[in-house]
Each structure stands twice: as C-alpha cells, then as structure tokens.
Amino acid sequence: MTMIGENLRMLREKRGMTMQELAEKSGISKSSIYRIENGTQTNITQETIEKLSQALSVTKAELDSTPHQ
C-alpha cells in the first residue's frame, strides 16, 4: 500500500465515510479510490490528490505525508 493509500483509508475511516460517500463528495470514482487505497493505482495526479484532500477537509501535504497512527 502506498503512503497516500494508507493515509486516504485512515482519514476516510476516521471521518466515518464509505468509499461511495468519498467518491460522491470528491468526484473521484469509487473504483479509483479502492485502487489508490490498495496501492494498485500509483500514478495519482495532483488534481486527484486535490479533490480527495478537499473532500476530506485536509491539506494535500496531510494526504501525502507519512501515515499517522
């Protein structure tokens, strides 16, 4: 799993959001979110990171930083 993938899952779950809810709020497909979280999609655009970070109310740096426990 990638750093972004780990953080994405942790932040999404911390907010009590499902992948579907995050997809609807961010405009990123549920299947893309699944692939990012599981590390099978590693070529993530800055636009995607921006949309996901906005939907989760975090900075891009928080999404792309070392995972928090």
PDB file of N, CA and C in Angstrom:
ATOM      1  N   MET A   1       0.844  -1.178   0.000  1.00  0.00           N
ATOM      2  CA  MET A   1       0.000   0.000   0.000  1.00  0.00           C
ATOM      3  C   MET A   1       0.889   1.241   0.000  1.00  0.00           C
ATOM      4  N   THR A   2       0.502   2.240  -0.749  1.00  0.00           N
ATOM      5  CA  THR A   2       1.278   3.467  -0.817  1.00  0.00           C
ATOM      6  C   THR A   2       0.984   4.369   0.379  1.00  0.00           C
ATOM      7  N   MET A   3       1.868   5.327   0.589  1.00  0.00           N
ATOM      8  CA  MET A   3       1.665   6.286   1.668  1.00  0.00           C
ATOM      9  C   MET A   3       0.324   7.007   1.502  1.00  0.00           C
ATOM     10  N   ILE A   4       0.053   7.457   0.289  1.00  0.00           N
ATOM     11  CA  ILE A   4      -1.221   8.145   0.043  1.00  0.00           C
ATOM     12  C   ILE A   4      -2.378   7.183   0.299  1.00  0.00           C
ATOM     13  N   GLY A   5      -2.235   5.955  -0.148  1.00  0.00           N
ATOM     14  CA  GLY A   5      -3.296   4.970   0.054  1.00  0.00           C
ATOM     15  C   GLY A   5      -3.579   4.721   1.523  1.00  0.00           C
ATOM     16  N   GLU A   6      -2.532   4.568   2.315  1.00  0.00           N
ATOM     17  CA  GLU A   6      -2.702   4.353   3.757  1.00  0.00           C
ATOM     18  C   GLU A   6      -3.377   5.554   4.400  1.00  0.00           C
ATOM     19  N   ASN A   7      -2.895   6.750   4.070  1.00  0.00           N
ATOM     20  CA  ASN A   7      -3.475   7.962   4.640  1.00  0.00           C
ATOM     21  C   ASN A   7      -4.920   8.149   4.194  1.00  0.00           C
ATOM     22  N   LEU A   8      -5.187   7.887   2.924  1.00  0.00           N
ATOM     23  CA  LEU A   8      -6.536   8.044   2.403  1.00  0.00           C
ATOM     24  C   LEU A   8      -7.508   7.168   3.175  1.00  0.00           C
ATOM     25  N   ARG A   9      -7.169   5.907   3.341  1.00  0.00           N
ATOM     26  CA  ARG A   9      -8.048   4.992   4.079  1.00  0.00           C
ATOM     27  C   ARG A   9      -8.227   5.453   5.526  1.00  0.00           C
ATOM     28  N   MET A  10      -7.122   5.804   6.189  1.00  0.00           N
ATOM     29  CA  MET A  10      -7.184   6.209   7.586  1.00  0.00           C
ATOM     30  C   MET A  10      -8.046   7.469   7.755  1.00  0.00           C
ATOM     31  N   LEU A  11      -7.827   8.464   6.905  1.00  0.00           N
ATOM     32  CA  LEU A  11      -8.594   9.702   7.007  1.00  0.00           C
ATOM     33  C   LEU A  11     -10.067   9.481   6.667  1.00  0.00           C
ATOM     34  N   ARG A  12     -10.334   8.671   5.666  1.00  0.00           N
ATOM     35  CA  ARG A  12     -11.725   8.379   5.284  1.00  0.00           C
ATOM     36  C   ARG A  12     -12.450   7.669   6.417  1.00  0.00           C
ATOM     37  N   GLU A  13     -11.813   6.640   6.983  1.00  0.00           N
ATOM     38  CA  GLU A  13     -12.443   5.883   8.061  1.00  0.00           C
ATOM     39  C   GLU A  13     -12.592   6.723   9.323  1.00  0.00           C
ATOM     40  N   LYS A  14     -11.614   7.581   9.595  1.00  0.00           N
ATOM     41  CA  LYS A  14     -11.674   8.467  10.766  1.00  0.00           C
ATOM     42  C   LYS A  14     -12.894   9.383  10.685  1.00  0.00           C
ATOM     43  N   ARG A  15     -13.282   9.742   9.470  1.00  0.00           N
ATOM     44  CA  ARG A  15     -14.441  10.606   9.268  1.00  0.00           C
ATOM     45  C   ARG A  15     -15.736   9.806   9.115  1.00  0.00           C
ATOM     46  N   GLY A  16     -15.626   8.495   9.225  1.00  0.00           N
ATOM     47  CA  GLY A  16     -16.815   7.649   9.122  1.00  0.00           C
ATOM     48  C   GLY A  16     -17.407   7.610   7.725  1.00  0.00           C
ATOM     49  N   MET A  17     -16.569   7.835   6.720  1.00  0.00           N
ATOM     50  CA  MET A  17     -17.040   7.862   5.332  1.00  0.00           C
ATOM     51  C   MET A  17     -16.808   6.517   4.651  1.00  0.00           C
ATOM     52  N   THR A  18     -17.745   6.142   3.820  1.00  0.00           N
ATOM     53  CA  THR A  18     -17.552   4.973   2.964  1.00  0.00           C
ATOM     54  C   THR A  18     -16.824   5.422   1.701  1.00  0.00           C
ATOM     55  N   MET A  19     -16.334   4.465   0.926  1.00  0.00           N
ATOM     56  CA  MET A  19     -15.718   4.814  -0.353  1.00  0.00           C
ATOM     57  C   MET A  19     -16.731   5.505  -1.253  1.00  0.00           C
ATOM     58  N   GLN A  20     -17.969   5.034  -1.218  1.00  0.00           N
ATOM     59  CA  GLN A  20     -19.018   5.630  -2.052  1.00  0.00           C
ATOM     60  C   GLN A  20     -19.259   7.088  -1.668  1.00  0.00           C
ATOM     61  N   GLU A  21     -19.299   7.381  -0.367  1.00  0.00           N
ATOM     62  CA  GLU A  21     -19.503   8.752   0.083  1.00  0.00           C
ATOM     63  C   GLU A  21     -18.343   9.651  -0.343  1.00  0.00           C
ATOM     64  N   LEU A  22     -17.128   9.147  -0.206  1.00  0.00           N
ATOM     65  CA  LEU A  22     -15.962   9.918  -0.626  1.00  0.00           C
ATOM     66  C   LEU A  22     -15.987  10.135  -2.137  1.00  0.00           C
ATOM     67  N   ALA A  23     -16.383   9.120  -2.876  1.00  0.00           N
ATOM     68  CA  ALA A  23     -16.477   9.246  -4.336  1.00  0.00           C
ATOM     69  C   ALA A  23     -17.467  10.351  -4.718  1.00  0.00           C
ATOM     70  N   GLU A  24     -18.617  10.357  -4.081  1.00  0.00           N
ATOM     71  CA  GLU A  24     -19.635  11.359  -4.388  1.00  0.00           C
ATOM     72  C   GLU A  24     -19.162  12.757  -4.015  1.00  0.00           C
ATOM     73  N   LYS A  25     -18.494  12.891  -2.884  1.00  0.00           N
ATOM     74  CA  LYS A  25     -18.040  14.203  -2.412  1.00  0.00           C
ATOM     75  C   LYS A  25     -16.850  14.728  -3.217  1.00  0.00           C
ATOM     76  N   SER A  26     -15.992  13.822  -3.696  1.00  0.00           N
ATOM     77  CA  SER A  26     -14.771  14.244  -4.389  1.00  0.00           C
ATOM     78  C   SER A  26     -14.893  14.265  -5.904  1.00  0.00           C
ATOM     79  N   GLY A  27     -15.832  13.505  -6.439  1.00  0.00           N
ATOM     80  CA  GLY A  27     -15.931  13.386  -7.891  1.00  0.00           C
ATOM     81  C   GLY A  27     -14.946  12.378  -8.465  1.00  0.00           C
ATOM     82  N   ILE A  28     -14.278  11.621  -7.591  1.00  0.00           N
ATOM     83  CA  ILE A  28     -13.356  10.552  -7.999  1.00  0.00           C
ATOM     84  C   ILE A  28     -14.123   9.235  -7.899  1.00  0.00           C
ATOM     85  N   SER A  29     -13.982   8.373  -8.884  1.00  0.00           N
ATOM     86  CA  SER A  29     -14.758   7.138  -8.879  1.00  0.00           C
ATOM     87  C   SER A  29     -14.413   6.245  -7.687  1.00  0.00           C
ATOM     88  N   LYS A  30     -15.405   5.486  -7.250  1.00  0.00           N
ATOM     89  CA  LYS A  30     -15.214   4.547  -6.143  1.00  0.00           C
ATOM     90  C   LYS A  30     -14.122   3.537  -6.486  1.00  0.00           C
ATOM     91  N   SER A  31     -14.074   3.101  -7.728  1.00  0.00           N
ATOM     92  CA  SER A  31     -13.054   2.118  -8.123  1.00  0.00           C
ATOM     93  C   SER A  31     -11.649   2.733  -8.066  1.00  0.00           C
ATOM     94  N   SER A  32     -11.517   4.009  -8.404  1.00  0.00           N
ATOM     95  CA  SER A  32     -10.209   4.669  -8.289  1.00  0.00           C
ATOM     96  C   SER A  32      -9.799   4.787  -6.831  1.00  0.00           C
ATOM     97  N   ILE A  33     -10.732   5.153  -5.970  1.00  0.00           N
ATOM     98  CA  ILE A  33     -10.435   5.259  -4.540  1.00  0.00           C
ATOM     99  C   ILE A  33      -9.994   3.905  -4.009  1.00  0.00           C
ATOM    100  N   TYR A  34     -10.696   2.847  -4.402  1.00  0.00           N
ATOM    101  CA  TYR A  34     -10.325   1.492  -3.985  1.00  0.00           C
ATOM    102  C   TYR A  34      -8.895   1.166  -4.429  1.00  0.00           C
ATOM    103  N   ARG A  35      -8.571   1.461  -5.692  1.00  0.00           N
ATOM    104  CA  ARG A  35      -7.234   1.156  -6.216  1.00  0.00           C
ATOM    105  C   ARG A  35      -6.151   1.980  -5.529  1.00  0.00           C
ATOM    106  N   ILE A  36      -6.439   3.244  -5.226  1.00  0.00           N
ATOM    107  CA  ILE A  36      -5.466   4.087  -4.517  1.00  0.00           C
ATOM    108  C   ILE A  36      -5.228   3.522  -3.115  1.00  0.00           C
ATOM    109  N   GLU A  37      -6.309   3.216  -2.404  1.00  0.00           N
ATOM    110  CA  GLU A  37      -6.170   2.707  -1.038  1.00  0.00           C
ATOM    111  C   GLU A  37      -5.420   1.383  -0.994  1.00  0.00           C
ATOM    112  N   ASN A  38      -5.575   0.567  -2.012  1.00  0.00           N
ATOM    113  CA  ASN A  38      -4.927  -0.745  -2.024  1.00  0.00           C
ATOM    114  C   ASN A  38      -3.585  -0.762  -2.746  1.00  0.00           C
ATOM    115  N   GLY A  39      -3.153   0.393  -3.214  1.00  0.00           N
ATOM    116  CA  GLY A  39      -1.829   0.517  -3.799  1.00  0.00           C
ATOM    117  C   GLY A  39      -1.693   0.011  -5.218  1.00  0.00           C
ATOM    118  N   THR A  40      -2.801  -0.304  -5.876  1.00  0.00           N
ATOM    119  CA  THR A  40      -2.703  -0.780  -7.254  1.00  0.00           C
ATOM    120  C   THR A  40      -2.734   0.369  -8.256  1.00  0.00           C
ATOM    121  N   GLN A  41      -3.106   1.558  -7.804  1.00  0.00           N
ATOM    122  CA  GLN A  41      -3.032   2.757  -8.651  1.00  0.00           C
ATOM    123  C   GLN A  41      -2.021   3.684  -8.006  1.00  0.00           C
ATOM    124  N   THR A  42      -0.866   3.804  -8.620  1.00  0.00           N
ATOM    125  CA  THR A  42       0.208   4.599  -8.032  1.00  0.00           C
ATOM    126  C   THR A  42       0.483   5.892  -8.793  1.00  0.00           C
ATOM    127  N   ASN A  43      -0.040   6.004  -9.992  1.00  0.00           N
ATOM    128  CA  ASN A  43       0.157   7.233 -10.781  1.00  0.00           C
ATOM    129  C   ASN A  43      -1.022   8.173 -10.528  1.00  0.00           C
ATOM    130  N   ILE A  44      -1.019   8.786  -9.340  1.00  0.00           N
ATOM    131  CA  ILE A  44      -2.125   9.621  -8.896  1.00  0.00           C
ATOM    132  C   ILE A  44      -1.816  11.072  -9.265  1.00  0.00           C
ATOM    133  N   THR A  45      -2.725  11.691  -9.999  1.00  0.00           N
ATOM    134  CA  THR A  45      -2.490  13.063 -10.444  1.00  0.00           C
ATOM    135  C   THR A  45      -2.660  14.053  -9.293  1.00  0.00           C
ATOM    136  N   GLN A  46      -2.054  15.221  -9.452  1.00  0.00           N
ATOM    137  CA  GLN A  46      -2.218  16.289  -8.454  1.00  0.00           C
ATOM    138  C   GLN A  46      -3.686  16.711  -8.360  1.00  0.00           C
ATOM    139  N   GLU A  47      -4.391  16.664  -9.469  1.00  0.00           N
ATOM    140  CA  GLU A  47      -5.816  17.014  -9.469  1.00  0.00           C
ATOM    141  C   GLU A  47      -6.608  16.046  -8.590  1.00  0.00           C
ATOM    142  N   THR A  48      -6.300  14.756  -8.690  1.00  0.00           N
ATOM    143  CA  THR A  48      -6.977  13.752  -7.866  1.00  0.00           C
ATOM    144  C   THR A  48      -6.656  13.962  -6.396  1.00  0.00           C
ATOM    145  N   ILE A  49      -5.386  14.208  -6.089  1.00  0.00           N
ATOM    146  CA  ILE A  49      -4.987  14.455  -4.698  1.00  0.00           C
ATOM    147  C   ILE A  49      -5.716  15.684  -4.164  1.00  0.00           C
ATOM    148  N   GLU A  50      -5.818  16.725  -4.965  1.00  0.00           N
ATOM    149  CA  GLU A  50      -6.519  17.948  -4.556  1.00  0.00           C
ATOM    150  C   GLU A  50      -7.990  17.665  -4.260  1.00  0.00           C
ATOM    151  N   LYS A  51      -8.661  16.944  -5.152  1.00  0.00           N
ATOM    152  CA  LYS A  51     -10.082  16.644  -4.958  1.00  0.00           C
ATOM    153  C   LYS A  51     -10.312  15.793  -3.706  1.00  0.00           C
ATOM    154  N   LEU A  52      -9.454  14.800  -3.505  1.00  0.00           N
ATOM    155  CA  LEU A  52      -9.599  13.950  -2.329  1.00  0.00           C
ATOM    156  C   LEU A  52      -9.317  14.722  -1.046  1.00  0.00           C
ATOM    157  N   SER A  53      -8.290  15.543  -1.052  1.00  0.00           N
ATOM    158  CA  SER A  53      -7.958  16.311   0.154  1.00  0.00           C
ATOM    159  C   SER A  53      -9.072  17.305   0.481  1.00  0.00           C
ATOM    160  N   GLN A  54      -9.642  17.933  -0.516  1.00  0.00           N
ATOM    161  CA  GLN A  54     -10.760  18.857  -0.273  1.00  0.00           C
ATOM    162  C   GLN A  54     -11.964  18.113   0.295  1.00  0.00           C
ATOM    163  N   ALA A  55     -12.264  16.943  -0.258  1.00  0.00           N
ATOM    164  CA  ALA A  55     -13.406  16.166   0.215  1.00  0.00           C
ATOM    165  C   ALA A  55     -13.215  15.695   1.654  1.00  0.00           C
ATOM    166  N   LEU A  56     -11.963  15.497   2.055  1.00  0.00           N
ATOM    167  CA  LEU A  56     -11.664  15.048   3.412  1.00  0.00           C
ATOM    168  C   LEU A  56     -11.329  16.213   4.348  1.00  0.00           C
ATOM    169  N   SER A  57     -11.333  17.419   3.826  1.00  0.00           N
ATOM    170  CA  SER A  57     -11.004  18.636   4.599  1.00  0.00           C
ATOM    171  C   SER A  57      -9.614  18.570   5.222  1.00  0.00           C
ATOM    172  N   VAL A  58      -8.648  18.136   4.410  1.00  0.00           N
ATOM    173  CA  VAL A  58      -7.248  18.103   4.838  1.00  0.00           C
ATOM    174  C   VAL A  58      -6.403  18.754   3.748  1.00  0.00           C
ATOM    175  N   THR A  59      -5.159  19.058   4.088  1.00  0.00           N
ATOM    176  CA  THR A  59      -4.256  19.609   3.081  1.00  0.00           C
ATOM    177  C   THR A  59      -3.709  18.475   2.215  1.00  0.00           C
ATOM    178  N   LYS A  60      -3.198  18.848   1.055  1.00  0.00           N
ATOM    179  CA  LYS A  60      -2.562  17.835   0.203  1.00  0.00           C
ATOM    180  C   LYS A  60      -1.374  17.218   0.924  1.00  0.00           C
ATOM    181  N   ALA A  61      -0.659  18.019   1.699  1.00  0.00           N
ATOM    182  CA  ALA A  61       0.501  17.511   2.442  1.00  0.00           C
ATOM    183  C   ALA A  61       0.087  16.454   3.469  1.00  0.00           C
ATOM    184  N   GLU A  62      -1.053  16.653   4.125  1.00  0.00           N
ATOM    185  CA  GLU A  62      -1.530  15.659   5.096  1.00  0.00           C
ATOM    186  C   GLU A  62      -1.861  14.339   4.404  1.00  0.00           C
ATOM    187  N   LEU A  63      -2.426  14.420   3.227  1.00  0.00           N
ATOM    188  CA  LEU A  63      -2.783  13.222   2.490  1.00  0.00           C
ATOM    189  C   LEU A  63      -1.550  12.477   1.987  1.00  0.00           C
ATOM    190  N   ASP A  64      -0.499  13.211   1.673  1.00  0.00           N
ATOM    191  CA  ASP A  64       0.700  12.628   1.076  1.00  0.00           C
ATOM    192  C   ASP A  64       1.857  12.478   2.074  1.00  0.00           C
ATOM    193  N   SER A  65       1.602  12.649   3.363  1.00  0.00           N
ATOM    194  CA  SER A  65       2.671  12.563   4.350  1.00  0.00           C
ATOM    195  C   SER A  65       2.775  11.161   4.944  1.00  0.00           C
ATOM    196  N   THR A  66       3.770  10.961   5.807  1.00  0.00           N
ATOM    197  CA  THR A  66       3.930   9.687   6.486  1.00  0.00           C
ATOM    198  C   THR A  66       2.657   9.377   7.266  1.00  0.00           C
ATOM    199  N   PRO A  67       2.136   8.155   7.181  1.00  0.00           N
ATOM    200  CA  PRO A  67       0.884   7.805   7.858  1.00  0.00           C
ATOM    201  C   PRO A  67       0.912   8.103   9.357  1.00  0.00           C
ATOM    202  N   HIS A  68      -0.214   8.591   9.852  1.00  0.00           N
ATOM    203  CA  HIS A  68      -0.379   8.844  11.277  1.00  0.00           C
ATOM    204  C   HIS A  68      -1.028   7.614  11.909  1.00  0.00           C
ATOM    205  N   GLN A  69      -0.683   7.343  13.109  1.00  0.00           N
ATOM    206  CA  GLN A  69      -1.318   6.204  13.808  1.00  0.00           C
ATOM    207  C   GLN A  69      -2.321   6.682  14.811  1.00  0.00           C
TER     208      GLN A  69
END
